[in-house]
Amino acid sequence: MDAILLRKRANIAWLTDGADVHVDLGSATGVGAILWFAESIGHRPVLLTDNIERDRLLEEERFDPEHWDVAAPNWWSYEASFDSMLDSAFKVAGTDISNCGFDDIGPDPIQPIRTPLTEREIAAVRSLGRDAALVMAETLTHFVKPGVSELEIAGRLTGELRSFNILAPVVLIAADERLKRYRHPIPTGNRVESTVMVALCAQRKGLTVSISRLVHFGRSLPDDLKRRHQAVCKVDRALHEATRLGRTWAECLAEGIEMYERCGYKDEWHKHHQGGPMGYDLRDFKATPEETRTVQPRQLVGWNPSITGTKSEDTILTPGAGSDGAACEVVTSMRHWPIDEATGRPAVLVAGA
């Protein structure tokens, strides 16, 4: 294969150190594509877009004309020109998203080479983790209160994130009975009475982190919620400790499953996936009992164990090569958030009603 056509936003962001080609957040593809050539071909990469997007991509998203060729036909002829150019000049191109006339290179063969993260990417993800955690903490401690709706929380959270140039492709919020019923609770008009959970995937320049936190309003945490949250924290800690370089994701997951059983919640892991490696995708893939791929150096990981009514989630970074036995770094930790002393994982924040 002499060239590859990249259309997935995640792959374009990775290849270009964070170029943002989205207009529609609901699409895996964007308003630009990249034709990247094998070194032996000796051809500069090509940005494929249209006249609407050309100036912004060149001026704001690092597509320097000194290093890139640009194909940007008028928008009303874009599809015809796009297909015509590729069909006539680059018939050998494969693509990361199925496209008529080109070889499909599979689900995502580029994902493995997005790891390990570079030093620049690590700095960027640490900054993203700090900013996302700050906005989450500020929203939960200063805005959320009884009577506020899940939709109002989502509006405040996403609005504050945007001021940090952070997108929120996933925002899940559930209060009280909805928290007990649904693992993926998109926000509704339901109003907070006593307990609320907020789960967030935050994205900037292509990189993504995820966080979940709970707040309870009252004098103290109800015994059942306290018991369940301490158990899910134990599972989360077990998963963090199991995430060691070279281990298969199935082996890591097995440690969490064992802890579920030890805590008396044997079947809860069946009710929601437990997470897996991430970075430019919300999850590169999910850890399953059959997953044979292994933990890699400098890899982002999002474990998200849950027990009905509660959840524990942060984003961690594996150590570099040669750091066998070293602990992972939590990149979404929150200053001043209460910590469960037995596990070191975030506790439920108890706020005065």
Protein backbone atom coordinates (compact mmCIF):
# COMPACT_ATOMS: atom_id res chain seq x y z
CA MET A 1 0.00 0.00 0.00
CA ASP A 2 1.56 3.28 -1.15
CA ALA A 3 -0.82 5.70 0.57
CA ILE A 4 -3.57 5.82 3.14
CA LEU A 5 -6.60 8.06 3.32
CA LEU A 6 -7.35 9.11 6.90
CA ARG A 7 -10.87 10.30 7.58
CA LYS A 8 -11.38 9.55 11.30
CA ARG A 9 -11.07 12.65 13.46
CA ALA A 10 -9.17 10.66 16.08
CA ASN A 11 -6.49 9.61 13.61
CA ILE A 12 -6.20 13.08 12.07
CA ALA A 13 -5.76 14.67 15.50
CA TRP A 14 -3.08 12.12 16.39
CA LEU A 15 -1.15 12.53 13.15
CA THR A 16 -1.21 16.35 13.23
CA ASP A 17 -0.59 16.92 16.94
CA GLY A 18 -4.14 17.97 17.65
CA ALA A 19 -5.70 19.43 14.49
CA ASP A 20 -9.45 19.78 15.03
CA VAL A 21 -11.45 19.08 11.88
CA HIS A 22 -14.86 18.69 13.48
CA VAL A 23 -17.96 20.71 12.76
CA ASP A 24 -20.48 18.00 13.62
CA LEU A 25 -19.55 16.42 16.97
CA GLY A 26 -21.83 13.53 16.19
CA SER A 27 -19.66 12.33 13.32
CA ALA A 28 -16.46 10.26 13.53
CA THR A 29 -15.26 12.07 10.42
CA GLY A 30 -14.68 15.78 9.96
CA VAL A 31 -14.50 18.49 7.33
CA GLY A 32 -11.02 17.49 6.29
CA ALA A 33 -9.26 14.28 5.33
CA ILE A 34 -5.58 13.43 4.93
CA LEU A 35 -3.83 11.49 2.22
CA TRP A 36 -0.56 10.23 3.71
CA PHE A 37 2.10 8.59 1.58
CA ALA A 38 4.71 5.95 2.23
CA GLU A 39 8.19 7.45 2.55
CA SER A 40 9.27 5.64 -0.60
CA ILE A 41 6.70 7.55 -2.65
CA GLY A 42 8.29 10.91 -1.81
CA HIS A 43 5.02 12.85 -1.96
CA ARG A 44 3.96 15.50 0.53
CA PRO A 45 0.79 14.73 2.49
CA VAL A 46 -2.41 16.18 1.10
CA LEU A 47 -5.18 17.90 3.03
CA LEU A 48 -8.53 17.27 1.39
CA THR A 49 -11.25 19.79 2.25
CA ASP A 50 -13.35 22.42 0.49
CA ASN A 51 -13.36 26.17 0.02
CA ILE A 52 -15.49 26.68 3.16
CA GLU A 53 -12.97 25.08 5.49
CA ARG A 54 -9.66 25.79 3.76
CA ASP A 55 -8.68 29.08 5.43
CA ARG A 56 -9.47 28.01 8.99
CA LEU A 57 -7.66 24.69 8.64
CA LEU A 58 -4.59 26.36 7.14
CA GLU A 59 -4.50 29.26 9.60
CA GLU A 60 -5.60 27.60 12.87
CA GLU A 61 -5.04 23.84 12.60
CA ARG A 62 -1.35 23.51 11.62
CA PHE A 63 -1.76 22.63 7.96
CA ASP A 64 1.19 24.76 6.86
CA PRO A 65 1.30 25.04 3.03
CA GLU A 66 5.09 24.70 3.25
CA HIS A 67 4.63 21.09 4.32
CA TRP A 68 1.19 20.17 2.99
CA ASP A 69 -0.47 20.11 -0.39
CA VAL A 70 -4.07 21.26 -0.22
CA ALA A 71 -7.03 20.20 -2.33
CA ALA A 72 -10.00 22.46 -1.61
CA PRO A 73 -12.53 22.57 -4.45
CA ASN A 74 -15.68 24.64 -4.20
CA TRP A 75 -18.19 23.12 -1.81
CA TRP A 76 -20.82 22.51 -4.50
CA SER A 77 -18.41 20.27 -6.41
CA TYR A 78 -16.53 18.82 -3.44
CA GLU A 79 -17.74 15.22 -3.57
CA ALA A 80 -17.23 14.90 -7.31
CA SER A 81 -13.79 16.52 -7.22
CA PHE A 82 -12.75 14.55 -4.15
CA ASP A 83 -13.65 11.19 -5.68
CA SER A 84 -12.35 12.13 -9.11
CA MET A 85 -8.93 13.21 -7.85
CA LEU A 86 -8.42 10.10 -5.74
CA ASP A 87 -9.76 7.71 -8.35
CA SER A 88 -7.52 9.07 -11.06
CA ALA A 89 -4.31 9.71 -9.13
CA PHE A 90 -4.17 7.47 -6.06
CA LYS A 91 -5.96 4.21 -6.76
CA VAL A 92 -3.75 2.32 -4.28
CA ALA A 93 -5.00 4.28 -1.26
CA GLY A 94 -6.63 2.42 1.64
CA THR A 95 -8.85 4.16 4.16
CA ASP A 96 -9.55 4.00 7.90
CA ILE A 97 -13.30 4.35 7.26
CA SER A 98 -14.92 2.36 4.48
CA ASN A 99 -15.15 4.41 1.33
CA CYS A 100 -16.38 3.27 -2.04
CA GLY A 101 -13.49 2.48 -4.36
CA PHE A 102 -10.76 2.13 -1.70
CA ASP A 103 -9.40 -0.76 0.30
CA ASP A 104 -10.74 -0.96 3.84
CA ILE A 105 -7.73 -1.36 6.14
CA GLY A 106 -9.81 -2.80 8.99
CA PRO A 107 -11.50 -1.56 12.18
CA ASP A 108 -8.60 0.65 13.29
CA PRO A 109 -5.06 -0.58 12.59
CA ILE A 110 -3.71 2.87 13.44
CA GLN A 111 -4.81 2.66 17.08
CA PRO A 112 -1.78 0.58 18.23
CA ILE A 113 0.69 3.11 16.84
CA ARG A 114 -1.02 5.97 18.69
CA THR A 115 0.64 4.45 21.79
CA PRO A 116 2.93 5.26 23.50
CA LEU A 117 2.12 8.93 23.94
CA THR A 118 4.87 11.40 23.19
CA GLU A 119 6.16 13.82 25.82
CA ARG A 120 4.16 16.61 24.17
CA GLU A 121 0.98 14.51 24.26
CA ILE A 122 1.58 13.63 27.92
CA ALA A 123 1.95 17.31 28.79
CA ALA A 124 -1.25 18.06 26.87
CA VAL A 125 -3.24 15.30 28.57
CA ARG A 126 -2.03 16.34 32.03
CA SER A 127 -3.19 19.89 31.30
CA LEU A 128 -6.51 18.60 29.99
CA GLY A 129 -6.97 16.39 33.05
CA ARG A 130 -6.30 19.30 35.43
CA ASP A 131 -8.67 21.63 33.62
CA ALA A 132 -11.48 19.08 33.27
CA ALA A 133 -11.17 18.09 36.94
CA LEU A 134 -11.23 21.74 37.99
CA VAL A 135 -14.42 22.44 36.03
CA MET A 136 -16.05 19.27 37.34
CA ALA A 137 -15.17 20.11 40.94
CA GLU A 138 -16.32 23.71 40.62
CA THR A 139 -19.62 22.65 39.09
CA LEU A 140 -20.34 20.01 41.70
CA THR A 141 -19.33 22.04 44.73
CA HIS A 142 -20.64 25.50 43.77
CA PHE A 143 -23.53 24.97 41.37
CA VAL A 144 -25.19 21.63 42.10
CA LYS A 145 -27.81 21.69 44.85
CA PRO A 146 -31.22 20.17 45.55
CA GLY A 147 -33.78 21.34 43.02
CA VAL A 148 -31.33 21.81 40.16
CA SER A 149 -32.15 19.69 37.13
CA GLU A 150 -29.79 17.29 35.40
CA LEU A 151 -30.08 19.42 32.25
CA GLU A 152 -29.10 22.56 34.15
CA ILE A 153 -26.04 20.77 35.52
CA ALA A 154 -25.12 19.63 32.00
CA GLY A 155 -25.49 23.18 30.70
CA ARG A 156 -23.30 24.67 33.40
CA LEU A 157 -20.66 21.94 33.08
CA THR A 158 -20.37 22.01 29.31
CA GLY A 159 -20.43 25.81 29.20
CA GLU A 160 -17.55 26.07 31.65
CA LEU A 161 -15.62 23.40 29.77
CA ARG A 162 -15.95 25.36 26.53
CA SER A 163 -14.29 28.35 28.18
CA PHE A 164 -11.24 26.07 28.53
CA ASN A 165 -11.55 25.00 24.87
CA ILE A 166 -12.75 21.57 26.00
CA LEU A 167 -15.44 19.60 24.21
CA ALA A 168 -17.67 17.14 26.05
CA PRO A 169 -18.60 14.27 23.73
CA VAL A 170 -20.12 12.36 26.67
CA VAL A 171 -22.02 13.91 29.60
CA LEU A 172 -24.03 11.50 31.76
CA ILE A 173 -25.98 12.81 34.75
CA ALA A 174 -28.41 10.98 37.00
CA ALA A 175 -30.09 12.01 40.24
CA ASP A 176 -31.67 9.72 42.82
CA GLU A 177 -33.87 6.99 41.27
CA ARG A 178 -32.42 7.47 37.79
CA LEU A 179 -28.97 6.82 39.25
CA LYS A 180 -30.17 3.42 40.46
CA ARG A 181 -31.86 2.51 37.17
CA TYR A 182 -29.53 3.47 34.33
CA ARG A 183 -25.84 2.94 33.60
CA HIS A 184 -25.81 5.47 30.73
CA PRO A 185 -28.14 8.23 31.98
CA ILE A 186 -28.19 11.11 29.53
CA PRO A 187 -29.37 14.22 31.41
CA THR A 188 -33.07 14.99 31.66
CA GLY A 189 -35.30 17.49 33.44
CA ASN A 190 -35.19 15.29 36.55
CA ARG A 191 -34.30 17.43 39.58
CA VAL A 192 -31.80 16.59 42.31
CA GLU A 193 -33.29 15.58 45.63
CA SER A 194 -30.43 13.98 47.55
CA THR A 195 -27.83 12.24 45.34
CA VAL A 196 -26.43 12.95 41.89
CA MET A 197 -23.71 11.46 39.71
CA VAL A 198 -21.91 13.27 36.90
CA ALA A 199 -19.81 11.35 34.37
CA LEU A 200 -17.78 13.19 31.76
CA CYS A 201 -15.57 12.55 28.75
CA ALA A 202 -13.60 15.73 28.10
CA GLN A 203 -11.71 16.29 24.85
CA ARG A 204 -9.21 18.90 23.68
CA LYS A 205 -7.15 18.78 20.50
CA GLY A 206 -8.21 15.19 20.01
CA LEU A 207 -7.06 13.81 23.37
CA THR A 208 -9.69 12.60 25.83
CA VAL A 209 -9.98 12.01 29.58
CA SER A 210 -12.92 10.68 31.59
CA ILE A 211 -14.11 11.37 35.15
CA SER A 212 -17.10 10.42 37.32
CA ARG A 213 -18.06 11.90 40.71
CA LEU A 214 -21.02 11.73 43.10
CA VAL A 215 -22.51 14.26 45.51
CA HIS A 216 -24.96 13.54 48.33
CA PHE A 217 -26.97 16.21 50.13
CA GLY A 218 -27.69 15.41 53.75
CA ARG A 219 -26.11 15.04 57.17
CA SER A 220 -24.33 11.78 56.25
CA LEU A 221 -24.13 9.16 53.53
CA PRO A 222 -26.89 6.51 53.68
CA ASP A 223 -25.50 3.15 54.81
CA ASP A 224 -26.39 1.34 51.59
CA LEU A 225 -24.78 3.96 49.34
CA LYS A 226 -21.74 4.07 51.61
CA ARG A 227 -21.35 0.29 51.40
CA ARG A 228 -21.79 0.23 47.63
CA HIS A 229 -19.42 3.12 47.00
CA GLN A 230 -16.69 1.66 49.19
CA ALA A 231 -17.05 -1.59 47.25
CA VAL A 232 -16.79 0.10 43.85
CA CYS A 233 -13.75 2.01 45.08
CA LYS A 234 -12.12 -1.33 45.98
CA VAL A 235 -12.82 -2.61 42.49
CA ASP A 236 -11.41 0.58 40.98
CA ARG A 237 -8.26 0.32 43.08
CA ALA A 238 -7.88 -3.34 42.08
CA LEU A 239 -8.11 -2.39 38.41
CA HIS A 240 -5.58 0.43 38.82
CA GLU A 241 -3.15 -1.86 40.61
CA ALA A 242 -3.64 -4.59 38.01
CA THR A 243 -2.75 -2.24 35.14
CA ARG A 244 0.91 -3.16 34.68
CA LEU A 245 3.00 -3.12 31.53
CA GLY A 246 2.81 -6.32 29.52
CA ARG A 247 -0.26 -7.76 31.23
CA THR A 248 -3.19 -8.61 29.01
CA TRP A 249 -6.32 -6.55 29.42
CA ALA A 250 -8.15 -9.78 30.26
CA GLU A 251 -5.76 -10.33 33.18
CA CYS A 252 -6.33 -6.78 34.41
CA LEU A 253 -10.09 -7.17 34.16
CA ALA A 254 -9.97 -10.47 36.06
CA GLU A 255 -8.57 -8.65 39.10
CA GLY A 256 -11.56 -6.32 39.07
CA ILE A 257 -14.05 -9.14 38.61
CA GLU A 258 -12.53 -10.98 41.56
CA MET A 259 -12.89 -7.88 43.73
CA TYR A 260 -16.55 -7.51 42.75
CA GLU A 261 -17.12 -11.02 44.07
CA ARG A 262 -15.11 -10.46 47.24
CA CYS A 263 -17.19 -7.36 48.00
CA GLY A 264 -20.46 -9.26 47.58
CA TYR A 265 -21.44 -7.84 44.18
CA LYS A 266 -20.50 -10.77 41.95
CA ASP A 267 -22.71 -9.99 38.95
CA GLU A 268 -22.49 -6.19 38.84
CA TRP A 269 -19.71 -6.22 36.23
CA HIS A 270 -22.16 -7.83 33.80
CA LYS A 271 -24.29 -4.69 33.83
CA HIS A 272 -21.74 -2.30 32.31
CA HIS A 273 -18.36 -2.47 30.61
CA GLN A 274 -15.41 -1.76 32.89
CA GLY A 275 -13.40 0.47 30.56
CA GLY A 276 -10.08 0.06 28.81
CA PRO A 277 -7.34 1.96 26.97
CA MET A 278 -8.17 5.38 25.57
CA GLY A 279 -6.58 8.55 24.24
CA TYR A 280 -7.78 9.81 20.88
CA ASP A 281 -10.91 7.69 21.15
CA LEU A 282 -13.21 7.60 24.17
CA ARG A 283 -12.11 3.97 24.52
CA ASP A 284 -9.77 2.40 21.98
CA PHE A 285 -11.43 -0.88 22.88
CA LYS A 286 -13.11 -2.36 25.93
CA ALA A 287 -11.34 -4.80 28.23
CA THR A 288 -13.10 -8.17 28.07
CA PRO A 289 -12.35 -11.59 29.56
CA GLU A 290 -11.02 -12.69 26.14
CA GLU A 291 -8.91 -9.61 25.30
CA THR A 292 -5.32 -10.71 24.56
CA ARG A 293 -3.81 -7.31 23.76
CA THR A 294 -1.49 -6.00 26.45
CA VAL A 295 -0.97 -2.84 28.51
CA GLN A 296 1.52 -0.58 26.74
CA PRO A 297 3.94 2.09 28.05
CA ARG A 298 2.66 5.66 28.31
CA GLN A 299 -0.91 4.63 27.55
CA LEU A 300 -4.06 6.35 28.78
CA VAL A 301 -6.56 4.11 30.52
CA GLY A 302 -10.10 4.73 31.70
CA TRP A 303 -11.45 2.17 34.15
CA ASN A 304 -15.08 2.83 35.08
CA PRO A 305 -16.41 0.14 37.44
CA SER A 306 -19.97 0.59 38.65
CA ILE A 307 -22.32 -0.93 41.19
CA THR A 308 -26.01 -0.08 40.96
CA GLY A 309 -26.34 3.47 42.33
CA THR A 310 -22.67 4.42 42.17
CA LYS A 311 -19.51 4.48 40.08
CA SER A 312 -15.78 5.25 40.30
CA GLU A 313 -13.82 6.64 37.36
CA ASP A 314 -10.62 8.53 36.64
CA THR A 315 -8.13 8.54 33.78
CA ILE A 316 -4.72 7.03 34.45
CA LEU A 317 -1.43 7.05 32.53
CA THR A 318 0.79 3.98 32.49
CA PRO A 319 4.52 4.44 33.19
CA GLY A 320 7.19 4.46 30.51
CA ALA A 321 9.02 1.42 29.23
CA GLY A 322 11.42 -0.08 31.75
CA SER A 323 9.27 1.01 34.68
CA ASP A 324 7.99 -2.45 35.55
CA GLY A 325 6.09 -2.38 38.82
CA ALA A 326 5.63 1.40 38.81
CA ALA A 327 2.16 2.70 39.60
CA CYS A 328 0.02 4.48 37.05
CA GLU A 329 -0.46 8.25 37.32
CA VAL A 330 -3.96 9.64 37.84
CA VAL A 331 -4.27 12.61 35.48
CA THR A 332 -7.78 13.68 36.56
CA SER A 333 -7.30 13.93 40.32
CA MET A 334 -9.20 16.72 42.09
CA ARG A 335 -7.73 18.90 44.79
CA HIS A 336 -9.83 19.07 47.95
CA TRP A 337 -12.19 16.28 46.86
CA PRO A 338 -12.82 13.78 49.69
CA ILE A 339 -10.91 10.50 49.40
CA ASP A 340 -11.94 7.06 50.60
CA GLU A 341 -9.20 6.30 53.12
CA ALA A 342 -9.24 2.54 52.58
CA THR A 343 -8.69 2.70 48.83
CA GLY A 344 -7.35 6.15 47.96
CA ARG A 345 -10.15 6.56 45.43
CA PRO A 346 -12.60 9.51 45.37
CA ALA A 347 -15.38 9.27 47.94
CA VAL A 348 -18.90 10.61 47.58
CA LEU A 349 -18.93 14.31 48.48
CA VAL A 350 -21.37 14.87 51.34
CA ALA A 351 -22.78 18.41 51.19
CA GLY A 352 -25.17 20.08 53.56
CA ALA A 353 -28.73 19.95 52.30
